[in-house]
Amino acid sequence: MIHLDTSFLVRALVARSREDRRLREWLRADEPLAMSCIGWAGFLCGPVEPRHVELALEIVGDPEPFDRRDAELAAGLFNRSGRRRGTLSDCMIAASALRLGGSLATANAGDFRRFAPAGLRILTA
């Protein structure tokens, strides 16, 4: 399963972008795609057009809920990665992908590399 982060999804909705091409490859290959509700909230903060919201829902389905296990894992990632201000949402997105055993597709790989030692597989366009 591939989890999309907000940065990847936003860019994938731009026709002919690298992320658009990569997303189309995954769709043709029937790769399961998902998104955490944390990333989904970031996406909805926009700016985003209603047609893009509908299209995104067709691509990722209902966003994955953030549960107690995710919260515990996110807190661990936050504490082990230096407790950097402004990074909790990245920890939460990474935790959701890790719990569900997926990779994380992002346009901001640098924001997530620090979670690789915890097992996060990072995909880019």
PDB file of N, CA and C in Angstrom:
ATOM      1  N   MET A   1       0.844  -1.175   0.000  1.00  0.00           N
ATOM      2  CA  MET A   1       0.000   0.000   0.000  1.00  0.00           C
ATOM      3  C   MET A   1       0.889   1.239   0.000  1.00  0.00           C
ATOM      4  N   ILE A   2       0.463   2.220  -0.779  1.00  0.00           N
ATOM      5  CA  ILE A   2       1.187   3.487  -0.834  1.00  0.00           C
ATOM      6  C   ILE A   2       0.307   4.563  -0.216  1.00  0.00           C
ATOM      7  N   HIS A   3       0.858   5.224   0.783  1.00  0.00           N
ATOM      8  CA  HIS A   3       0.170   6.354   1.420  1.00  0.00           C
ATOM      9  C   HIS A   3       0.666   7.630   0.763  1.00  0.00           C
ATOM     10  N   LEU A   4      -0.262   8.481   0.383  1.00  0.00           N
ATOM     11  CA  LEU A   4       0.110   9.762  -0.214  1.00  0.00           C
ATOM     12  C   LEU A   4       0.145  10.820   0.870  1.00  0.00           C
ATOM     13  N   ASP A   5       1.163  11.640   0.847  1.00  0.00           N
ATOM     14  CA  ASP A   5       1.148  12.780   1.757  1.00  0.00           C
ATOM     15  C   ASP A   5       0.582  13.974   0.985  1.00  0.00           C
ATOM     16  N   THR A   6       0.261  15.020   1.705  1.00  0.00           N
ATOM     17  CA  THR A   6      -0.393  16.184   1.107  1.00  0.00           C
ATOM     18  C   THR A   6       0.409  16.741  -0.058  1.00  0.00           C
ATOM     19  N   SER A   7       1.713  16.883   0.119  1.00  0.00           N
ATOM     20  CA  SER A   7       2.546  17.493  -0.922  1.00  0.00           C
ATOM     21  C   SER A   7       2.489  16.692  -2.217  1.00  0.00           C
ATOM     22  N   PHE A   8       2.482  15.376  -2.102  1.00  0.00           N
ATOM     23  CA  PHE A   8       2.431  14.534  -3.295  1.00  0.00           C
ATOM     24  C   PHE A   8       1.072  14.664  -3.975  1.00  0.00           C
ATOM     25  N   LEU A   9      -0.002  14.580  -3.195  1.00  0.00           N
ATOM     26  CA  LEU A   9      -1.344  14.645  -3.774  1.00  0.00           C
ATOM     27  C   LEU A   9      -1.583  15.978  -4.471  1.00  0.00           C
ATOM     28  N   VAL A  10      -1.194  17.068  -3.840  1.00  0.00           N
ATOM     29  CA  VAL A  10      -1.390  18.393  -4.449  1.00  0.00           C
ATOM     30  C   VAL A  10      -0.687  18.457  -5.801  1.00  0.00           C
ATOM     31  N   ARG A  11       0.542  17.992  -5.859  1.00  0.00           N
ATOM     32  CA  ARG A  11       1.289  18.039  -7.119  1.00  0.00           C
ATOM     33  C   ARG A  11       0.753  17.029  -8.130  1.00  0.00           C
ATOM     34  N   ALA A  12       0.249  15.899  -7.666  1.00  0.00           N
ATOM     35  CA  ALA A  12      -0.288  14.881  -8.570  1.00  0.00           C
ATOM     36  C   ALA A  12      -1.540  15.365  -9.291  1.00  0.00           C
ATOM     37  N   LEU A  13      -2.219  16.330  -8.724  1.00  0.00           N
ATOM     38  CA  LEU A  13      -3.422  16.865  -9.364  1.00  0.00           C
ATOM     39  C   LEU A  13      -3.099  17.905 -10.433  1.00  0.00           C
ATOM     40  N   VAL A  14      -1.818  18.185 -10.629  1.00  0.00           N
ATOM     41  CA  VAL A  14      -1.378  19.084 -11.700  1.00  0.00           C
ATOM     42  C   VAL A  14      -1.044  18.215 -12.913  1.00  0.00           C
ATOM     43  N   ALA A  15      -1.806  18.391 -13.971  1.00  0.00           N
ATOM     44  CA  ALA A  15      -1.631  17.565 -15.169  1.00  0.00           C
ATOM     45  C   ALA A  15      -0.192  17.595 -15.663  1.00  0.00           C
ATOM     46  N   ARG A  16       0.298  16.409 -15.998  1.00  0.00           N
ATOM     47  CA  ARG A  16       1.627  16.199 -16.573  1.00  0.00           C
ATOM     48  C   ARG A  16       2.791  16.485 -15.623  1.00  0.00           C
ATOM     49  N   SER A  17       2.499  16.668 -14.350  1.00  0.00           N
ATOM     50  CA  SER A  17       3.592  16.811 -13.379  1.00  0.00           C
ATOM     51  C   SER A  17       4.240  15.441 -13.170  1.00  0.00           C
ATOM     52  N   ARG A  18       5.427  15.425 -12.593  1.00  0.00           N
ATOM     53  CA  ARG A  18       6.082  14.138 -12.291  1.00  0.00           C
ATOM     54  C   ARG A  18       5.209  13.297 -11.373  1.00  0.00           C
ATOM     55  N   GLU A  19       4.588  13.954 -10.385  1.00  0.00           N
ATOM     56  CA  GLU A  19       3.731  13.225  -9.443  1.00  0.00           C
ATOM     57  C   GLU A  19       2.494  12.675 -10.145  1.00  0.00           C
ATOM     58  N   ASP A  20       1.943  13.425 -11.086  1.00  0.00           N
ATOM     59  CA  ASP A  20       0.799  12.949 -11.870  1.00  0.00           C
ATOM     60  C   ASP A  20       1.184  11.692 -12.639  1.00  0.00           C
ATOM     61  N   ARG A  21       2.334  11.718 -13.294  1.00  0.00           N
ATOM     62  CA  ARG A  21       2.784  10.544 -14.056  1.00  0.00           C
ATOM     63  C   ARG A  21       3.015   9.346 -13.140  1.00  0.00           C
ATOM     64  N   ARG A  22       3.632   9.577 -11.997  1.00  0.00           N
ATOM     65  CA  ARG A  22       3.899   8.469 -11.068  1.00  0.00           C
ATOM     66  C   ARG A  22       2.597   7.901 -10.522  1.00  0.00           C
ATOM     67  N   LEU A  23       1.661   8.772 -10.159  1.00  0.00           N
ATOM     68  CA  LEU A  23       0.368   8.319  -9.657  1.00  0.00           C
ATOM     69  C   LEU A  23      -0.352   7.480 -10.707  1.00  0.00           C
ATOM     70  N   ARG A  24      -0.318   7.902 -11.951  1.00  0.00           N
ATOM     71  CA  ARG A  24      -0.960   7.140 -13.030  1.00  0.00           C
ATOM     72  C   ARG A  24      -0.321   5.758 -13.184  1.00  0.00           C
ATOM     73  N   GLU A  25       0.995   5.673 -13.011  1.00  0.00           N
ATOM     74  CA  GLU A  25       1.667   4.364 -13.053  1.00  0.00           C
ATOM     75  C   GLU A  25       1.108   3.448 -11.969  1.00  0.00           C
ATOM     76  N   TRP A  26       0.986   3.980 -10.756  1.00  0.00           N
ATOM     77  CA  TRP A  26       0.473   3.172  -9.651  1.00  0.00           C
ATOM     78  C   TRP A  26      -0.971   2.758  -9.891  1.00  0.00           C
ATOM     79  N   LEU A  27      -1.771   3.659 -10.436  1.00  0.00           N
ATOM     80  CA  LEU A  27      -3.169   3.333 -10.718  1.00  0.00           C
ATOM     81  C   LEU A  27      -3.261   2.245 -11.780  1.00  0.00           C
ATOM     82  N   ARG A  28      -2.445   2.344 -12.837  1.00  0.00           N
ATOM     83  CA  ARG A  28      -2.444   1.309 -13.882  1.00  0.00           C
ATOM     84  C   ARG A  28      -2.012  -0.042 -13.317  1.00  0.00           C
ATOM     85  N   ALA A  29      -1.126  -0.024 -12.343  1.00  0.00           N
ATOM     86  CA  ALA A  29      -0.629  -1.261 -11.729  1.00  0.00           C
ATOM     87  C   ALA A  29      -1.548  -1.760 -10.613  1.00  0.00           C
ATOM     88  N   ASP A  30      -2.689  -1.088 -10.414  1.00  0.00           N
ATOM     89  CA  ASP A  30      -3.632  -1.444  -9.340  1.00  0.00           C
ATOM     90  C   ASP A  30      -2.986  -1.434  -7.961  1.00  0.00           C
ATOM     91  N   GLU A  31      -2.034  -0.552  -7.779  1.00  0.00           N
ATOM     92  CA  GLU A  31      -1.384  -0.402  -6.471  1.00  0.00           C
ATOM     93  C   GLU A  31      -2.397   0.206  -5.497  1.00  0.00           C
ATOM     94  N   PRO A  32      -2.592  -0.402  -4.327  1.00  0.00           N
ATOM     95  CA  PRO A  32      -3.513   0.203  -3.350  1.00  0.00           C
ATOM     96  C   PRO A  32      -2.960   1.540  -2.854  1.00  0.00           C
ATOM     97  N   LEU A  33      -3.813   2.552  -2.852  1.00  0.00           N
ATOM     98  CA  LEU A  33      -3.429   3.897  -2.427  1.00  0.00           C
ATOM     99  C   LEU A  33      -4.287   4.320  -1.251  1.00  0.00           C
ATOM    100  N   ALA A  34      -3.693   5.089  -0.366  1.00  0.00           N
ATOM    101  CA  ALA A  34      -4.417   5.566   0.815  1.00  0.00           C
ATOM    102  C   ALA A  34      -3.832   6.903   1.234  1.00  0.00           C
ATOM    103  N   MET A  35      -4.500   7.505   2.197  1.00  0.00           N
ATOM    104  CA  MET A  35      -4.030   8.763   2.769  1.00  0.00           C
ATOM    105  C   MET A  35      -4.532   8.832   4.197  1.00  0.00           C
ATOM    106  N   SER A  36      -3.704   9.327   5.094  1.00  0.00           N
ATOM    107  CA  SER A  36      -4.137   9.474   6.486  1.00  0.00           C
ATOM    108  C   SER A  36      -5.088  10.655   6.598  1.00  0.00           C
ATOM    109  N   CYS A  37      -5.917  10.630   7.621  1.00  0.00           N
ATOM    110  CA  CYS A  37      -6.818  11.774   7.828  1.00  0.00           C
ATOM    111  C   CYS A  37      -6.021  13.023   8.190  1.00  0.00           C
ATOM    112  N   ILE A  38      -4.811  12.868   8.696  1.00  0.00           N
ATOM    113  CA  ILE A  38      -3.958  14.021   8.993  1.00  0.00           C
ATOM    114  C   ILE A  38      -3.539  14.689   7.680  1.00  0.00           C
ATOM    115  N   GLY A  39      -3.060  13.888   6.742  1.00  0.00           N
ATOM    116  CA  GLY A  39      -2.701  14.416   5.429  1.00  0.00           C
ATOM    117  C   GLY A  39      -3.908  14.972   4.691  1.00  0.00           C
ATOM    118  N   TRP A  40      -5.048  14.297   4.849  1.00  0.00           N
ATOM    119  CA  TRP A  40      -6.277  14.750   4.199  1.00  0.00           C
ATOM    120  C   TRP A  40      -6.673  16.137   4.710  1.00  0.00           C
ATOM    121  N   ALA A  41      -6.556  16.351   6.000  1.00  0.00           N
ATOM    122  CA  ALA A  41      -6.878  17.668   6.564  1.00  0.00           C
ATOM    123  C   ALA A  41      -5.968  18.733   5.959  1.00  0.00           C
ATOM    124  N   GLY A  42      -4.688  18.410   5.812  1.00  0.00           N
ATOM    125  CA  GLY A  42      -3.766  19.350   5.186  1.00  0.00           C
ATOM    126  C   GLY A  42      -4.161  19.659   3.754  1.00  0.00           C
ATOM    127  N   PHE A  43      -4.583  18.635   3.029  1.00  0.00           N
ATOM    128  CA  PHE A  43      -5.030  18.821   1.650  1.00  0.00           C
ATOM    129  C   PHE A  43      -6.243  19.746   1.596  1.00  0.00           C
ATOM    130  N   LEU A  44      -7.202  19.521   2.489  1.00  0.00           N
ATOM    131  CA  LEU A  44      -8.426  20.323   2.489  1.00  0.00           C
ATOM    132  C   LEU A  44      -8.178  21.776   2.879  1.00  0.00           C
ATOM    133  N   CYS A  45      -7.057  22.044   3.558  1.00  0.00           N
ATOM    134  CA  CYS A  45      -6.728  23.429   3.912  1.00  0.00           C
ATOM    135  C   CYS A  45      -6.416  24.257   2.673  1.00  0.00           C
ATOM    136  N   GLY A  46      -6.144  23.592   1.576  1.00  0.00           N
ATOM    137  CA  GLY A  46      -6.041  24.181   0.263  1.00  0.00           C
ATOM    138  C   GLY A  46      -4.987  25.256   0.098  1.00  0.00           C
ATOM    139  N   PRO A  47      -5.240  26.069  -0.896  1.00  0.00           N
ATOM    140  CA  PRO A  47      -6.501  26.171  -1.623  1.00  0.00           C
ATOM    141  C   PRO A  47      -6.728  24.954  -2.522  1.00  0.00           C
ATOM    142  N   VAL A  48      -7.969  24.504  -2.545  1.00  0.00           N
ATOM    143  CA  VAL A  48      -8.326  23.339  -3.344  1.00  0.00           C
ATOM    144  C   VAL A  48      -9.729  23.542  -3.910  1.00  0.00           C
ATOM    145  N   GLU A  49      -9.904  23.133  -5.140  1.00  0.00           N
ATOM    146  CA  GLU A  49     -11.200  23.255  -5.797  1.00  0.00           C
ATOM    147  C   GLU A  49     -12.047  22.024  -5.485  1.00  0.00           C
ATOM    148  N   PRO A  50     -13.373  22.195  -5.422  1.00  0.00           N
ATOM    149  CA  PRO A  50     -14.252  21.051  -5.131  1.00  0.00           C
ATOM    150  C   PRO A  50     -14.031  19.870  -6.073  1.00  0.00           C
ATOM    151  N   ARG A  51     -13.756  20.124  -7.344  1.00  0.00           N
ATOM    152  CA  ARG A  51     -13.539  19.011  -8.284  1.00  0.00           C
ATOM    153  C   ARG A  51     -12.275  18.228  -7.924  1.00  0.00           C
ATOM    154  N   HIS A  52     -11.278  18.921  -7.356  1.00  0.00           N
ATOM    155  CA  HIS A  52     -10.065  18.221  -6.936  1.00  0.00           C
ATOM    156  C   HIS A  52     -10.318  17.379  -5.694  1.00  0.00           C
ATOM    157  N   VAL A  53     -11.191  17.848  -4.814  1.00  0.00           N
ATOM    158  CA  VAL A  53     -11.552  17.055  -3.633  1.00  0.00           C
ATOM    159  C   VAL A  53     -12.228  15.765  -4.079  1.00  0.00           C
ATOM    160  N   GLU A  54     -13.162  15.870  -5.014  1.00  0.00           N
ATOM    161  CA  GLU A  54     -13.857  14.678  -5.520  1.00  0.00           C
ATOM    162  C   GLU A  54     -12.879  13.714  -6.183  1.00  0.00           C
ATOM    163  N   LEU A  55     -11.992  14.237  -7.007  1.00  0.00           N
ATOM    164  CA  LEU A  55     -11.006  13.397  -7.684  1.00  0.00           C
ATOM    165  C   LEU A  55     -10.083  12.727  -6.673  1.00  0.00           C
ATOM    166  N   ALA A  56      -9.632  13.475  -5.694  1.00  0.00           N
ATOM    167  CA  ALA A  56      -8.742  12.909  -4.677  1.00  0.00           C
ATOM    168  C   ALA A  56      -9.429  11.778  -3.922  1.00  0.00           C
ATOM    169  N   LEU A  57     -10.707  11.944  -3.612  1.00  0.00           N
ATOM    170  CA  LEU A  57     -11.444  10.880  -2.919  1.00  0.00           C
ATOM    171  C   LEU A  57     -11.562   9.633  -3.785  1.00  0.00           C
ATOM    172  N   GLU A  58     -11.700   9.818  -5.090  1.00  0.00           N
ATOM    173  CA  GLU A  58     -11.733   8.660  -5.989  1.00  0.00           C
ATOM    174  C   GLU A  58     -10.396   7.932  -5.966  1.00  0.00           C
ATOM    175  N   ILE A  59      -9.325   8.670  -5.806  1.00  0.00           N
ATOM    176  CA  ILE A  59      -7.985   8.080  -5.828  1.00  0.00           C
ATOM    177  C   ILE A  59      -7.663   7.368  -4.516  1.00  0.00           C
ATOM    178  N   VAL A  60      -7.890   8.032  -3.390  1.00  0.00           N
ATOM    179  CA  VAL A  60      -7.451   7.472  -2.103  1.00  0.00           C
ATOM    180  C   VAL A  60      -8.578   6.867  -1.271  1.00  0.00           C
ATOM    181  N   GLY A  61      -9.824   7.066  -1.669  1.00  0.00           N
ATOM    182  CA  GLY A  61     -10.932   6.558  -0.858  1.00  0.00           C
ATOM    183  C   GLY A  61     -11.041   7.335   0.443  1.00  0.00           C
ATOM    184  N   ASP A  62     -11.744   6.767   1.398  1.00  0.00           N
ATOM    185  CA  ASP A  62     -11.875   7.426   2.697  1.00  0.00           C
ATOM    186  C   ASP A  62     -10.510   7.485   3.375  1.00  0.00           C
ATOM    187  N   PRO A  63     -10.141   8.637   3.895  1.00  0.00           N
ATOM    188  CA  PRO A  63      -8.849   8.735   4.587  1.00  0.00           C
ATOM    189  C   PRO A  63      -8.771   7.760   5.766  1.00  0.00           C
ATOM    190  N   GLU A  64      -7.569   7.251   5.984  1.00  0.00           N
ATOM    191  CA  GLU A  64      -7.333   6.322   7.093  1.00  0.00           C
ATOM    192  C   GLU A  64      -7.451   7.063   8.416  1.00  0.00           C
ATOM    193  N   PRO A  65      -8.196   6.511   9.368  1.00  0.00           N
ATOM    194  CA  PRO A  65      -8.313   7.183  10.671  1.00  0.00           C
ATOM    195  C   PRO A  65      -6.980   7.183  11.416  1.00  0.00           C
ATOM    196  N   PHE A  66      -6.848   8.117  12.314  1.00  0.00           N
ATOM    197  CA  PHE A  66      -5.674   8.225  13.179  1.00  0.00           C
ATOM    198  C   PHE A  66      -6.098   7.706  14.542  1.00  0.00           C
ATOM    199  N   ASP A  67      -5.528   6.577  14.954  1.00  0.00           N
ATOM    200  CA  ASP A  67      -5.993   5.956  16.197  1.00  0.00           C
ATOM    201  C   ASP A  67      -4.933   6.025  17.304  1.00  0.00           C
ATOM    202  N   ARG A  68      -5.241   5.403  18.410  1.00  0.00           N
ATOM    203  CA  ARG A  68      -4.349   5.430  19.575  1.00  0.00           C
ATOM    204  C   ARG A  68      -2.964   4.891  19.231  1.00  0.00           C
ATOM    205  N   ARG A  69      -2.906   3.803  18.455  1.00  0.00           N
ATOM    206  CA  ARG A  69      -1.604   3.239  18.077  1.00  0.00           C
ATOM    207  C   ARG A  69      -0.800   4.233  17.245  1.00  0.00           C
ATOM    208  N   ASP A  70      -1.504   4.931  16.347  1.00  0.00           N
ATOM    209  CA  ASP A  70      -0.823   5.955  15.555  1.00  0.00           C
ATOM    210  C   ASP A  70      -0.283   7.060  16.453  1.00  0.00           C
ATOM    211  N   ALA A  71      -1.091   7.466  17.430  1.00  0.00           N
ATOM    212  CA  ALA A  71      -0.673   8.535  18.350  1.00  0.00           C
ATOM    213  C   ALA A  71       0.578   8.123  19.120  1.00  0.00           C
ATOM    214  N   GLU A  72       0.601   6.886  19.598  1.00  0.00           N
ATOM    215  CA  GLU A  72       1.762   6.402  20.344  1.00  0.00           C
ATOM    216  C   GLU A  72       2.998   6.331  19.452  1.00  0.00           C
ATOM    217  N   LEU A  73       2.808   5.830  18.237  1.00  0.00           N
ATOM    218  CA  LEU A  73       3.928   5.740  17.302  1.00  0.00           C
ATOM    219  C   LEU A  73       4.414   7.136  16.909  1.00  0.00           C
ATOM    220  N   ALA A  74       3.485   8.060  16.664  1.00  0.00           N
ATOM    221  CA  ALA A  74       3.859   9.437  16.304  1.00  0.00           C
ATOM    222  C   ALA A  74       4.643  10.102  17.429  1.00  0.00           C
ATOM    223  N   ALA A  75       4.211   9.890  18.659  1.00  0.00           N
ATOM    224  CA  ALA A  75       4.926  10.473  19.799  1.00  0.00           C
ATOM    225  C   ALA A  75       6.342   9.913  19.881  1.00  0.00           C
ATOM    226  N   GLY A  76       6.481   8.619  19.651  1.00  0.00           N
ATOM    227  CA  GLY A  76       7.812   8.016  19.649  1.00  0.00           C
ATOM    228  C   GLY A  76       8.695   8.583  18.550  1.00  0.00           C
ATOM    229  N   LEU A  77       8.137   8.736  17.350  1.00  0.00           N
ATOM    230  CA  LEU A  77       8.898   9.322  16.242  1.00  0.00           C
ATOM    231  C   LEU A  77       9.314  10.751  16.568  1.00  0.00           C
ATOM    232  N   PHE A  78       8.395  11.503  17.141  1.00  0.00           N
ATOM    233  CA  PHE A  78       8.666  12.897  17.500  1.00  0.00           C
ATOM    234  C   PHE A  78       9.799  12.968  18.522  1.00  0.00           C
ATOM    235  N   ASN A  79       9.715  12.149  19.546  1.00  0.00           N
ATOM    236  CA  ASN A  79      10.728  12.169  20.606  1.00  0.00           C
ATOM    237  C   ASN A  79      12.088  11.685  20.115  1.00  0.00           C
ATOM    238  N   ARG A  80      12.100  10.650  19.267  1.00  0.00           N
ATOM    239  CA  ARG A  80      13.370  10.107  18.776  1.00  0.00           C
ATOM    240  C   ARG A  80      14.003  10.969  17.685  1.00  0.00           C
ATOM    241  N   SER A  81      13.212  11.825  17.056  1.00  0.00           N
ATOM    242  CA  SER A  81      13.762  12.618  15.949  1.00  0.00           C
ATOM    243  C   SER A  81      14.075  14.051  16.357  1.00  0.00           C
ATOM    244  N   GLY A  82      14.171  14.295  17.653  1.00  0.00           N
ATOM    245  CA  GLY A  82      14.649  15.585  18.115  1.00  0.00           C
ATOM    246  C   GLY A  82      13.603  16.573  18.577  1.00  0.00           C
ATOM    247  N   ARG A  83      12.346  16.153  18.652  1.00  0.00           N
ATOM    248  CA  ARG A  83      11.268  17.010  19.174  1.00  0.00           C
ATOM    249  C   ARG A  83      11.261  18.378  18.497  1.00  0.00           C
ATOM    250  N   ARG A  84      11.430  18.366  17.182  1.00  0.00           N
ATOM    251  CA  ARG A  84      11.514  19.629  16.441  1.00  0.00           C
ATOM    252  C   ARG A  84      10.147  20.276  16.293  1.00  0.00           C
ATOM    253  N   ARG A  85      10.101  21.527  16.625  1.00  0.00           N
ATOM    254  CA  ARG A  85       8.872  22.303  16.532  1.00  0.00           C
ATOM    255  C   ARG A  85       8.333  22.272  15.096  1.00  0.00           C
ATOM    256  N   GLY A  86       7.033  22.114  14.961  1.00  0.00           N
ATOM    257  CA  GLY A  86       6.398  22.132  13.652  1.00  0.00           C
ATOM    258  C   GLY A  86       6.466  20.823  12.895  1.00  0.00           C
ATOM    259  N   THR A  87       6.953  19.747  13.544  1.00  0.00           N
ATOM    260  CA  THR A  87       7.091  18.477  12.823  1.00  0.00           C
ATOM    261  C   THR A  87       6.113  17.403  13.282  1.00  0.00           C
ATOM    262  N   LEU A  88       5.259  17.722  14.232  1.00  0.00           N
ATOM    263  CA  LEU A  88       4.355  16.693  14.754  1.00  0.00           C
ATOM    264  C   LEU A  88       3.448  16.132  13.660  1.00  0.00           C
ATOM    265  N   SER A  89       2.941  16.976  12.765  1.00  0.00           N
ATOM    266  CA  SER A  89       2.057  16.450  11.716  1.00  0.00           C
ATOM    267  C   SER A  89       2.812  15.480  10.807  1.00  0.00           C
ATOM    268  N   ASP A  90       4.089  15.736  10.518  1.00  0.00           N
ATOM    269  CA  ASP A  90       4.882  14.784   9.736  1.00  0.00           C
ATOM    270  C   ASP A  90       5.015  13.465  10.490  1.00  0.00           C
ATOM    271  N   CYS A  91       5.228  13.545  11.797  1.00  0.00           N
ATOM    272  CA  CYS A  91       5.317  12.336  12.618  1.00  0.00           C
ATOM    273  C   CYS A  91       4.007  11.554  12.564  1.00  0.00           C
ATOM    274  N   MET A  92       2.898  12.261  12.585  1.00  0.00           N
ATOM    275  CA  MET A  92       1.583  11.617  12.557  1.00  0.00           C
ATOM    276  C   MET A  92       1.330  10.938  11.210  1.00  0.00           C
ATOM    277  N   ILE A  93       1.689  11.607  10.126  1.00  0.00           N
ATOM    278  CA  ILE A  93       1.524  11.022   8.791  1.00  0.00           C
ATOM    279  C   ILE A  93       2.415   9.789   8.650  1.00  0.00           C
ATOM    280  N   ALA A  94       3.657   9.895   9.084  1.00  0.00           N
ATOM    281  CA  ALA A  94       4.584   8.759   9.022  1.00  0.00           C
ATOM    282  C   ALA A  94       4.077   7.602   9.872  1.00  0.00           C
ATOM    283  N   ALA A  95       3.540   7.895  11.041  1.00  0.00           N
ATOM    284  CA  ALA A  95       3.034   6.846  11.930  1.00  0.00           C
ATOM    285  C   ALA A  95       1.902   6.069  11.280  1.00  0.00           C
ATOM    286  N   SER A  96       0.999   6.759  10.620  1.00  0.00           N
ATOM    287  CA  SER A  96      -0.113   6.074   9.948  1.00  0.00           C
ATOM    288  C   SER A  96       0.403   5.135   8.867  1.00  0.00           C
ATOM    289  N   ALA A  97       1.345   5.611   8.064  1.00  0.00           N
ATOM    290  CA  ALA A  97       1.909   4.768   7.009  1.00  0.00           C
ATOM    291  C   ALA A  97       2.641   3.571   7.602  1.00  0.00           C
ATOM    292  N   LEU A  98       3.403   3.790   8.664  1.00  0.00           N
ATOM    293  CA  LEU A  98       4.139   2.694   9.303  1.00  0.00           C
ATOM    294  C   LEU A  98       3.205   1.646   9.889  1.00  0.00           C
ATOM    295  N   ARG A  99       2.180   2.092  10.580  1.00  0.00           N
ATOM    296  CA  ARG A  99       1.270   1.132  11.218  1.00  0.00           C
ATOM    297  C   ARG A  99       0.610   0.224  10.191  1.00  0.00           C
ATOM    298  N   LEU A 100       0.281   0.789   9.049  1.00  0.00           N
ATOM    299  CA  LEU A 100      -0.406   0.009   8.028  1.00  0.00           C
ATOM    300  C   LEU A 100       0.556  -0.672   7.059  1.00  0.00           C
ATOM    301  N   GLY A 101       1.852  -0.568   7.338  1.00  0.00           N
ATOM    302  CA  GLY A 101       2.844  -1.296   6.555  1.00  0.00           C
ATOM    303  C   GLY A 101       3.064  -0.764   5.156  1.00  0.00           C
ATOM    304  N   GLY A 102       2.731   0.478   4.924  1.00  0.00           N
ATOM    305  CA  GLY A 102       2.872   1.020   3.584  1.00  0.00           C
ATOM    306  C   GLY A 102       4.081   1.900   3.409  1.00  0.00           C
ATOM    307  N   SER A 103       4.265   2.302   2.180  1.00  0.00           N
ATOM    308  CA  SER A 103       5.273   3.294   1.838  1.00  0.00           C
ATOM    309  C   SER A 103       4.601   4.652   1.858  1.00  0.00           C
ATOM    310  N   LEU A 104       5.400   5.702   1.921  1.00  0.00           N
ATOM    311  CA  LEU A 104       4.865   7.053   1.909  1.00  0.00           C
ATOM    312  C   LEU A 104       5.372   7.777   0.674  1.00  0.00           C
ATOM    313  N   ALA A 105       4.437   8.214  -0.176  1.00  0.00           N
ATOM    314  CA  ALA A 105       4.782   9.009  -1.351  1.00  0.00           C
ATOM    315  C   ALA A 105       4.713  10.473  -0.961  1.00  0.00           C
ATOM    316  N   THR A 106       5.799  11.188  -1.180  1.00  0.00           N
ATOM    317  CA  THR A 106       5.871  12.589  -0.781  1.00  0.00           C
ATOM    318  C   THR A 106       6.691  13.387  -1.780  1.00  0.00           C
ATOM    319  N   ALA A 107       6.371  14.656  -1.887  1.00  0.00           N
ATOM    320  CA  ALA A 107       7.192  15.571  -2.675  1.00  0.00           C
ATOM    321  C   ALA A 107       8.226  16.249  -1.780  1.00  0.00           C
ATOM    322  N   ASN A 108       8.151  15.969  -0.488  1.00  0.00           N
ATOM    323  CA  ASN A 108       9.072  16.554   0.498  1.00  0.00           C
ATOM    324  C   ASN A 108       9.824  15.447   1.233  1.00  0.00           C
ATOM    325  N   ALA A 109      10.594  14.672   0.496  1.00  0.00           N
ATOM    326  CA  ALA A 109      11.280  13.523   1.089  1.00  0.00           C
ATOM    327  C   ALA A 109      12.157  13.917   2.268  1.00  0.00           C
ATOM    328  N   GLY A 110      12.754  15.085   2.207  1.00  0.00           N
ATOM    329  CA  GLY A 110      13.624  15.528   3.295  1.00  0.00           C
ATOM    330  C   GLY A 110      12.911  15.639   4.624  1.00  0.00           C
ATOM    331  N   ASP A 111      11.616  15.912   4.582  1.00  0.00           N
ATOM    332  CA  ASP A 111      10.843  16.019   5.822  1.00  0.00           C
ATOM    333  C   ASP A 111      10.635  14.667   6.491  1.00  0.00           C
ATOM    334  N   PHE A 112      10.779  13.581   5.723  1.00  0.00           N
ATOM    335  CA  PHE A 112      10.445  12.258   6.244  1.00  0.00           C
ATOM    336  C   PHE A 112      11.642  11.318   6.356  1.00  0.00           C
ATOM    337  N   ARG A 113      12.797  11.697   5.835  1.00  0.00           N
ATOM    338  CA  ARG A 113      13.966  10.801   5.873  1.00  0.00           C
ATOM    339  C   ARG A 113      14.346  10.389   7.287  1.00  0.00           C
ATOM    340  N   ARG A 114      14.121  11.254   8.244  1.00  0.00           N
ATOM    341  CA  ARG A 114      14.508  10.930   9.624  1.00  0.00           C
ATOM    342  C   ARG A 114      13.697   9.769  10.191  1.00  0.00           C
ATOM    343  N   PHE A 115      12.617   9.367   9.491  1.00  0.00           N
ATOM    344  CA  PHE A 115      11.802   8.248   9.962  1.00  0.00           C
ATOM    345  C   PHE A 115      12.188   6.927   9.293  1.00  0.00           C
ATOM    346  N   ALA A 116      13.129   6.966   8.365  1.00  0.00           N
ATOM    347  CA  ALA A 116      13.571   5.741   7.695  1.00  0.00           C
ATOM    348  C   ALA A 116      14.116   4.708   8.680  1.00  0.00           C
ATOM    349  N   PRO A 117      14.879   5.106   9.709  1.00  0.00           N
ATOM    350  CA  PRO A 117      15.354   4.098  10.663  1.00  0.00           C
ATOM    351  C   PRO A 117      14.216   3.358  11.377  1.00  0.00           C
ATOM    352  N   ALA A 118      13.043   3.966  11.428  1.00  0.00           N
ATOM    353  CA  ALA A 118      11.881   3.307  12.043  1.00  0.00           C
ATOM    354  C   ALA A 118      11.188   2.377  11.054  1.00  0.00           C
ATOM    355  N   GLY A 119      11.665   2.352   9.798  1.00  0.00           N
ATOM    356  CA  GLY A 119      11.102   1.455   8.796  1.00  0.00           C
ATOM    357  C   GLY A 119      10.270   2.125   7.721  1.00  0.00           C
ATOM    358  N   LEU A 120      10.167   3.440   7.737  1.00  0.00           N
ATOM    359  CA  LEU A 120       9.366   4.129   6.727  1.00  0.00           C
ATOM    360  C   LEU A 120      10.072   4.079   5.377  1.00  0.00           C
ATOM    361  N   ARG A 121       9.353   3.600   4.381  1.00  0.00           N
ATOM    362  CA  ARG A 121       9.849   3.584   3.003  1.00  0.00           C
ATOM    363  C   ARG A 121       9.304   4.828   2.300  1.00  0.00           C
ATOM    364  N   ILE A 122      10.191   5.619   1.743  1.00  0.00           N
ATOM    365  CA  ILE A 122       9.811   6.895   1.134  1.00  0.00           C
ATOM    366  C   ILE A 122       9.872   6.763  -0.382  1.00  0.00           C
ATOM    367  N   LEU A 123       8.793   7.174  -1.022  1.00  0.00           N
ATOM    368  CA  LEU A 123       8.706   7.175  -2.477  1.00  0.00           C
ATOM    369  C   LEU A 123       8.561   8.610  -2.961  1.00  0.00           C
ATOM    370  N   THR A 124       9.171   8.901  -4.086  1.00  0.00           N
ATOM    371  CA  THR A 124       9.042  10.222  -4.699  1.00  0.00           C
ATOM    372  C   THR A 124       8.691  10.028  -6.168  1.00  0.00           C
ATOM    373  N   ALA A 125       8.403  11.136  -6.815  1.00  0.00           N
ATOM    374  CA  ALA A 125       8.101  11.061  -8.248  1.00  0.00           C
ATOM    375  C   ALA A 125       9.404  10.939  -9.003  1.00  0.00           C
TER     376      ALA A 125
END
